[in-house]
Amino acid sequence: MVVYCRRERSVLADGTLTPIVKVPSAALPSKSLLKSLAALCADPKNVVYIISGRNGDFLEEHLGHIPNLGRSEEHTSELQSPSGS
């Protein structure tokens, strides 16, 4: 997963948000990561995207509850804006 935040123009690469593990399905977002993403997304000055190789179902299950979070699924084959459209 990669996070892009426009306000600070930050990009965090794979292994930064979740540890790199042998079994990819075991790389789940922690509670502190979810809280941090929610805080970033709550600031209207930020535009935050998750860019992930994971499919939309996985991202929706683990990140779908965070308002204003944009997602790029399966290495950008599917893009969802922060507004959900």
C-alpha atoms as a PDB file:
ATOM      1  CA  MET A   1       0.000   0.000   0.000  1.00  0.00           C
ATOM      2  CA  VAL A   2       1.067   3.539  -0.699  1.00  0.00           C
ATOM      3  CA  VAL A   3      -0.441   6.690   0.774  1.00  0.00           C
ATOM      4  CA  TYR A   4      -0.343  10.000  -1.066  1.00  0.00           C
ATOM      5  CA  CYS A   5      -1.280  13.133   0.853  1.00  0.00           C
ATOM      6  CA  ARG A   6      -1.381  16.339  -1.228  1.00  0.00           C
ATOM      7  CA  ARG A   7      -1.045  18.878   1.592  1.00  0.00           C
ATOM      8  CA  GLU A   8       2.399  17.662   2.553  1.00  0.00           C
ATOM      9  CA  ARG A   9       2.948  15.816  -0.730  1.00  0.00           C
ATOM     10  CA  SER A  10       3.870  12.729   1.199  1.00  0.00           C
ATOM     11  CA  VAL A  11       4.162   9.296  -0.289  1.00  0.00           C
ATOM     12  CA  LEU A  12       4.557   6.267   1.958  1.00  0.00           C
ATOM     13  CA  ALA A  13       5.556   3.056   0.201  1.00  0.00           C
ATOM     14  CA  ASP A  14       4.734  -0.618   0.702  1.00  0.00           C
ATOM     15  CA  GLY A  15       6.006  -1.870   4.008  1.00  0.00           C
ATOM     16  CA  THR A  16       5.525   1.570   5.567  1.00  0.00           C
ATOM     17  CA  LEU A  17       1.857   1.257   6.449  1.00  0.00           C
ATOM     18  CA  THR A  18       1.878  -2.423   7.214  1.00  0.00           C
ATOM     19  CA  PRO A  19       4.878  -4.668   7.739  1.00  0.00           C
ATOM     20  CA  ILE A  20       6.110  -6.764   4.848  1.00  0.00           C
ATOM     21  CA  VAL A  21       5.115 -10.330   5.667  1.00  0.00           C
ATOM     22  CA  LYS A  22       5.484 -13.680   3.931  1.00  0.00           C
ATOM     23  CA  VAL A  23       1.731 -14.141   3.588  1.00  0.00           C
ATOM     24  CA  PRO A  24       0.236 -10.960   2.055  1.00  0.00           C
ATOM     25  CA  SER A  25      -3.182 -11.568   3.607  1.00  0.00           C
ATOM     26  CA  ALA A  26      -1.543 -11.168   7.027  1.00  0.00           C
ATOM     27  CA  ALA A  27      -0.561  -7.543   6.254  1.00  0.00           C
ATOM     28  CA  LEU A  28      -3.540  -5.812   7.839  1.00  0.00           C
ATOM     29  CA  PRO A  29      -3.840  -2.152   8.857  1.00  0.00           C
ATOM     30  CA  SER A  30      -3.344  -1.581  12.583  1.00  0.00           C
ATOM     31  CA  LYS A  31      -5.747   0.403  14.750  1.00  0.00           C
ATOM     32  CA  SER A  32      -3.189   3.209  15.015  1.00  0.00           C
ATOM     33  CA  LEU A  33      -2.815   3.349  11.219  1.00  0.00           C
ATOM     34  CA  LEU A  34      -6.585   3.545  10.781  1.00  0.00           C
ATOM     35  CA  LYS A  35      -6.779   6.334  13.359  1.00  0.00           C
ATOM     36  CA  SER A  36      -3.977   8.258  11.609  1.00  0.00           C
ATOM     37  CA  LEU A  37      -5.583   7.887   8.186  1.00  0.00           C
ATOM     38  CA  ALA A  38      -8.917   9.073   9.581  1.00  0.00           C
ATOM     39  CA  ALA A  39      -7.228  12.126  11.114  1.00  0.00           C
ATOM     40  CA  LEU A  40      -5.475  12.984   7.821  1.00  0.00           C
ATOM     41  CA  CYS A  41      -8.716  12.584   5.885  1.00  0.00           C
ATOM     42  CA  ALA A  42     -10.662  14.729   8.368  1.00  0.00           C
ATOM     43  CA  ASP A  43      -8.550  17.787   7.537  1.00  0.00           C
ATOM     44  CA  PRO A  44     -10.156  19.427   4.473  1.00  0.00           C
ATOM     45  CA  LYS A  45      -6.741  20.751   3.396  1.00  0.00           C
ATOM     46  CA  ASN A  46      -5.579  17.186   2.753  1.00  0.00           C
ATOM     47  CA  VAL A  47      -6.296  14.933  -0.206  1.00  0.00           C
ATOM     48  CA  VAL A  48      -5.369  11.391   0.815  1.00  0.00           C
ATOM     49  CA  TYR A  49      -5.187   8.337  -1.439  1.00  0.00           C
ATOM     50  CA  ILE A  50      -4.289   4.740  -0.718  1.00  0.00           C
ATOM     51  CA  ILE A  51      -2.587   3.128  -3.712  1.00  0.00           C
ATOM     52  CA  SER A  52      -2.640  -0.618  -3.285  1.00  0.00           C
ATOM     53  CA  GLY A  53      -2.245  -3.856  -5.152  1.00  0.00           C
ATOM     54  CA  ARG A  54      -5.156  -5.195  -3.120  1.00  0.00           C
ATOM     55  CA  ASN A  55      -8.586  -5.570  -4.655  1.00  0.00           C
ATOM     56  CA  GLY A  56     -11.541  -3.340  -3.913  1.00  0.00           C
ATOM     57  CA  ASP A  57     -13.235  -5.828  -1.593  1.00  0.00           C
ATOM     58  CA  PHE A  58     -10.200  -5.936   0.701  1.00  0.00           C
ATOM     59  CA  LEU A  59      -9.820  -2.150   0.727  1.00  0.00           C
ATOM     60  CA  GLU A  60     -13.524  -1.625   1.330  1.00  0.00           C
ATOM     61  CA  GLU A  61     -13.514  -4.091   4.225  1.00  0.00           C
ATOM     62  CA  HIS A  62     -10.487  -2.578   5.966  1.00  0.00           C
ATOM     63  CA  LEU A  63     -10.577   1.094   4.901  1.00  0.00           C
ATOM     64  CA  GLY A  64     -14.082   1.752   3.584  1.00  0.00           C
ATOM     65  CA  HIS A  65     -15.262   3.264   6.852  1.00  0.00           C
ATOM     66  CA  ILE A  66     -12.819   6.202   6.595  1.00  0.00           C
ATOM     67  CA  PRO A  67     -14.585   9.240   5.093  1.00  0.00           C
ATOM     68  CA  ASN A  68     -12.765  11.219   2.377  1.00  0.00           C
ATOM     69  CA  LEU A  69     -10.172   8.516   1.687  1.00  0.00           C
ATOM     70  CA  GLY A  70      -9.388   8.023  -1.996  1.00  0.00           C
ATOM     71  CA  ARG A  71      -8.342   4.581  -3.177  1.00  0.00           C
ATOM     72  CA  SER A  72      -6.474   3.187  -6.122  1.00  0.00           C
ATOM     73  CA  GLU A  73      -7.060  -0.540  -6.246  1.00  0.00           C
ATOM     74  CA  GLU A  74      -5.021  -3.271  -7.899  1.00  0.00           C
ATOM     75  CA  HIS A  75      -2.135  -0.916  -8.730  1.00  0.00           C
ATOM     76  CA  THR A  76      -4.409   1.754 -10.262  1.00  0.00           C
ATOM     77  CA  SER A  77      -6.688  -0.418 -12.386  1.00  0.00           C
ATOM     78  CA  GLU A  78      -9.591   0.977 -10.333  1.00  0.00           C
ATOM     79  CA  LEU A  79      -9.660   4.488  -8.859  1.00  0.00           C
ATOM     80  CA  GLN A  80     -12.118   5.822  -6.285  1.00  0.00           C
ATOM     81  CA  SER A  81     -12.008   9.504  -5.417  1.00  0.00           C
ATOM     82  CA  PRO A  82     -12.154  10.629  -1.786  1.00  0.00           C
ATOM     83  CA  SER A  83     -15.753  11.729  -2.357  1.00  0.00           C
ATOM     84  CA  GLY A  84     -16.648   8.136  -3.268  1.00  0.00           C
ATOM     85  CA  SER A  85     -17.346   8.760  -6.941  1.00  0.00           C
END
